[in-house]
N, C-alpha and C. Protein backbone atom coordinates (compact mmCIF):
# COMPACT_ATOMS: atom_id res chain seq x y z
N MET A 1 39.15 144.29 -117.00
CA MET A 1 38.50 145.03 -118.10
C MET A 1 39.46 146.40 -118.38
N LYS A 2 39.28 146.89 -119.53
CA LYS A 2 39.96 148.08 -119.80
C LYS A 2 39.54 149.25 -119.71
N ASN A 3 38.06 149.18 -119.64
CA ASN A 3 37.65 150.70 -119.47
C ASN A 3 36.22 150.76 -119.03
N GLU A 4 35.35 151.77 -119.31
CA GLU A 4 34.22 151.96 -118.71
C GLU A 4 33.29 150.90 -119.91
N ASN A 5 33.60 150.87 -121.05
CA ASN A 5 32.73 150.30 -121.96
C ASN A 5 32.80 148.82 -121.78
N ASP A 6 33.99 148.13 -121.53
CA ASP A 6 33.95 147.02 -121.06
C ASP A 6 32.95 146.35 -119.98
N TYR A 7 33.22 147.38 -118.86
CA TYR A 7 32.26 147.07 -117.75
C TYR A 7 30.43 146.89 -117.97
N GLN A 8 30.36 147.93 -119.09
CA GLN A 8 29.26 148.26 -119.32
C GLN A 8 28.77 147.15 -120.10
N LYS A 9 29.60 146.40 -121.30
CA LYS A 9 29.31 145.26 -121.96
C LYS A 9 29.16 144.07 -121.20
N LEU A 10 29.77 143.83 -120.28
CA LEU A 10 29.98 142.61 -119.52
C LEU A 10 28.64 142.82 -118.50
N LEU A 11 28.37 143.80 -118.08
CA LEU A 11 26.93 143.87 -117.18
C LEU A 11 25.97 143.67 -117.99
N ALA A 12 25.66 144.33 -119.34
CA ALA A 12 24.57 143.98 -120.14
C ALA A 12 24.62 142.74 -120.55
N LEU A 13 25.59 141.97 -120.86
CA LEU A 13 25.71 140.42 -121.38
C LEU A 13 25.34 139.60 -120.03
N ARG A 14 25.57 139.82 -118.99
CA ARG A 14 25.54 139.14 -117.83
C ARG A 14 24.13 139.29 -117.57
N ASP A 15 23.45 140.55 -117.56
CA ASP A 15 22.05 140.68 -117.26
C ASP A 15 20.89 139.69 -118.44
N LYS A 16 21.75 139.78 -119.50
CA LYS A 16 20.75 139.01 -120.67
C LYS A 16 20.93 137.34 -120.51
N ILE A 17 21.99 136.97 -119.70
CA ILE A 17 22.58 135.57 -119.41
C ILE A 17 21.61 135.40 -118.50
N ASN A 18 21.43 136.15 -117.27
CA ASN A 18 20.66 135.90 -116.17
C ASN A 18 19.05 135.90 -116.63
N ASN A 19 18.68 136.73 -117.54
CA ASN A 19 17.39 136.52 -118.05
C ASN A 19 17.01 135.61 -118.79
N LYS A 20 18.19 134.69 -119.37
CA LYS A 20 17.72 133.66 -120.09
C LYS A 20 17.35 134.22 -121.69
N SER A 21 17.89 135.57 -121.95
CA SER A 21 17.47 135.92 -123.30
C SER A 21 18.71 136.10 -124.14
N ALA A 22 19.87 135.58 -123.59
CA ALA A 22 21.24 135.68 -124.36
C ALA A 22 21.21 134.34 -125.31
N THR A 23 21.76 135.02 -126.66
CA THR A 23 21.95 133.71 -127.50
C THR A 23 23.45 133.08 -126.98
N PHE A 24 23.58 131.90 -127.64
CA PHE A 24 24.84 130.94 -127.43
C PHE A 24 26.25 132.14 -127.72
N GLU A 25 25.85 132.76 -128.85
CA GLU A 25 27.10 133.78 -129.08
C GLU A 25 27.24 134.80 -128.01
N GLU A 26 26.43 135.22 -127.54
CA GLU A 26 26.41 136.56 -126.08
C GLU A 26 27.05 135.74 -125.42
N GLN A 27 27.05 134.59 -124.64
CA GLN A 27 26.98 133.64 -123.74
C GLN A 27 28.63 133.43 -124.01
N LYS A 28 29.01 133.16 -125.22
CA LYS A 28 30.55 132.76 -125.41
C LYS A 28 31.04 134.07 -125.45
N GLU A 29 30.77 135.26 -125.99
CA GLU A 29 31.40 136.56 -125.79
C GLU A 29 31.46 137.17 -124.17
N TYR A 30 30.58 136.73 -123.09
CA TYR A 30 30.82 137.04 -121.95
C TYR A 30 32.06 136.01 -121.56
N VAL A 31 32.18 134.79 -121.68
CA VAL A 31 32.99 133.91 -121.18
C VAL A 31 34.46 134.24 -121.76
N ARG A 32 34.62 134.65 -123.15
CA ARG A 32 35.43 135.34 -123.69
C ARG A 32 36.23 136.58 -122.77
N MET A 33 35.60 137.29 -122.79
CA MET A 33 35.99 138.44 -122.14
C MET A 33 36.53 138.08 -120.87
N LEU A 34 35.72 137.38 -119.94
CA LEU A 34 36.50 136.81 -118.69
C LEU A 34 37.78 135.87 -118.94
N THR A 35 37.64 135.23 -120.18
CA THR A 35 38.93 134.34 -120.26
C THR A 35 39.99 135.42 -120.53
N ASN A 36 39.78 136.85 -121.45
CA ASN A 36 41.09 137.33 -122.00
C ASN A 36 41.56 138.13 -120.56
N GLU A 37 40.70 138.11 -119.40
CA GLU A 37 41.14 139.06 -118.40
C GLU A 37 41.94 137.93 -117.71
N GLY A 38 42.05 136.81 -117.86
CA GLY A 38 42.73 135.86 -116.86
C GLY A 38 41.90 135.35 -115.91
N LYS A 39 40.63 135.47 -115.84
CA LYS A 39 39.73 135.00 -114.71
C LYS A 39 39.03 133.79 -115.04
N LEU A 40 39.02 133.02 -116.24
CA LEU A 40 38.89 131.80 -116.68
C LEU A 40 40.15 131.25 -117.68
N THR A 41 40.32 129.99 -117.38
CA THR A 41 41.42 129.35 -118.41
C THR A 41 40.93 129.25 -120.03
N GLU A 42 41.94 129.12 -120.83
CA GLU A 42 41.58 128.91 -122.17
C GLU A 42 40.88 127.51 -122.41
N GLU A 43 41.26 126.71 -121.47
CA GLU A 43 40.75 125.07 -121.28
C GLU A 43 39.14 125.50 -121.16
N GLN A 44 39.17 126.13 -119.97
CA GLN A 44 37.72 126.40 -119.56
C GLN A 44 36.63 126.98 -120.55
N TYR A 45 37.31 127.92 -121.40
CA TYR A 45 36.46 128.85 -122.47
C TYR A 45 36.16 127.68 -123.92
N GLN A 46 37.18 127.08 -123.89
CA GLN A 46 37.07 125.88 -125.17
C GLN A 46 36.10 125.02 -124.44
N MET A 47 36.04 124.50 -123.26
CA MET A 47 34.75 123.68 -122.96
C MET A 47 33.54 123.93 -122.88
N PHE A 48 33.31 125.32 -122.85
CA PHE A 48 32.17 126.27 -122.93
C PHE A 48 31.83 126.30 -124.40
N ALA A 49 32.80 126.67 -125.20
CA ALA A 49 32.46 126.85 -126.80
C ALA A 49 31.98 125.66 -127.28
N GLN A 50 32.63 124.55 -126.99
CA GLN A 50 32.33 123.31 -127.74
C GLN A 50 31.21 122.52 -127.18
N LYS A 51 30.64 123.40 -126.19
CA LYS A 51 29.33 122.72 -125.59
C LYS A 51 29.66 121.29 -124.88
N ASP A 52 30.76 121.41 -124.18
CA ASP A 52 31.05 120.47 -123.17
C ASP A 52 30.16 120.13 -122.52
N LYS A 53 30.40 118.75 -121.42
CA LYS A 53 29.25 118.50 -120.88
C LYS A 53 29.21 119.32 -119.48
N LEU A 54 30.32 119.95 -119.27
CA LEU A 54 30.35 120.89 -118.33
C LEU A 54 30.28 122.49 -118.66
N GLN A 55 29.66 122.84 -119.70
CA GLN A 55 29.35 124.04 -120.07
C GLN A 55 28.49 124.82 -119.18
N ASN A 56 27.66 124.10 -118.46
CA ASN A 56 26.78 124.84 -117.40
C ASN A 56 27.58 125.29 -116.29
N ASP A 57 28.70 124.28 -116.02
CA ASP A 57 29.37 124.53 -114.60
C ASP A 57 30.23 125.89 -115.06
N VAL A 58 30.83 125.81 -116.38
CA VAL A 58 31.74 126.84 -116.68
C VAL A 58 30.97 128.33 -116.62
N LEU A 59 29.67 128.04 -117.20
CA LEU A 59 28.86 129.25 -117.43
C LEU A 59 28.44 129.77 -115.70
N ASN A 60 28.02 129.09 -115.00
CA ASN A 60 27.97 129.49 -113.63
C ASN A 60 29.18 130.28 -112.96
N ALA A 61 30.14 129.57 -113.29
CA ALA A 61 31.74 130.14 -112.69
C ALA A 61 31.68 131.12 -113.23
N ALA A 62 31.74 131.59 -114.44
CA ALA A 62 31.63 133.01 -115.15
C ALA A 62 30.70 134.06 -114.70
N LEU A 63 29.37 133.53 -114.57
CA LEU A 63 28.50 134.18 -114.07
C LEU A 63 29.14 135.03 -112.83
N THR A 64 29.44 133.97 -111.66
CA THR A 64 29.80 134.61 -110.50
C THR A 64 30.93 135.38 -110.56
N ILE A 65 32.02 135.10 -111.07
CA ILE A 65 33.20 135.92 -111.20
C ILE A 65 32.81 137.16 -112.11
N GLY A 66 32.10 137.14 -112.93
CA GLY A 66 31.63 138.35 -113.44
C GLY A 66 30.94 139.23 -112.79
N GLY A 67 30.24 138.53 -111.81
CA GLY A 67 29.44 139.35 -110.64
C GLY A 67 30.24 140.05 -109.88
N ILE A 68 31.30 139.31 -109.10
CA ILE A 68 32.43 140.04 -108.46
C ILE A 68 32.82 141.25 -108.89
N ILE A 69 33.68 140.84 -110.29
CA ILE A 69 34.29 141.98 -110.79
C ILE A 69 33.28 143.12 -111.03
N LEU A 70 32.11 143.11 -111.64
CA LEU A 70 30.98 143.81 -111.64
C LEU A 70 30.86 144.66 -110.02
N LEU A 71 30.64 143.85 -109.28
CA LEU A 71 30.56 144.64 -107.62
C LEU A 71 31.88 145.78 -107.54
N ALA A 72 32.86 144.96 -107.62
CA ALA A 72 34.07 145.76 -107.54
C ALA A 72 34.10 147.19 -107.90
N TRP A 73 33.62 146.87 -109.32
CA TRP A 73 33.88 148.41 -110.44
C TRP A 73 32.53 148.90 -109.72
N LEU A 74 31.28 148.89 -109.41
CA LEU A 74 30.39 149.60 -108.94
C LEU A 74 30.72 150.42 -107.86
N VAL A 75 31.09 149.42 -106.95
CA VAL A 75 31.63 150.12 -105.54
C VAL A 75 32.79 150.94 -105.91
N GLY A 76 34.15 150.95 -106.89
CA GLY A 76 34.95 152.00 -107.15
C GLY A 76 34.14 153.08 -107.39
N LYS A 77 33.12 153.04 -108.45
CA LYS A 77 32.68 154.05 -108.94
C LYS A 77 31.92 154.87 -107.60
N PHE A 78 31.11 154.27 -107.28
CA PHE A 78 30.40 154.92 -106.12
C PHE A 78 30.93 155.64 -105.00
N ILE A 79 32.68 155.29 -104.56
CA ILE A 79 33.69 155.87 -103.83
C ILE A 79 34.38 157.18 -104.39
N ASN A 80 34.54 156.79 -105.84
CA ASN A 80 35.18 158.08 -106.52
C ASN A 80 34.16 159.02 -106.22
N LYS A 81 32.95 158.95 -106.35
CA LYS A 81 31.67 160.17 -106.36
C LYS A 81 32.17 161.10 -105.08
């Protein structure tokens, strides 16, 4: 993630996904953000975006990876205070 806004967006999208209120486009945006960061491959993104049979596996992996990234970001913010 490049800046605070990216982390905030990732967090907001993750919360919507976890609450089952995210649209498919929001889910794709979340997975795309992680793909752009090199955390998921383009192939994984394409499987997800095309509603491949492994779509739920890719989304679950993305939620886990995003959670780790967000946890590291929050810990860093806490330490810097």
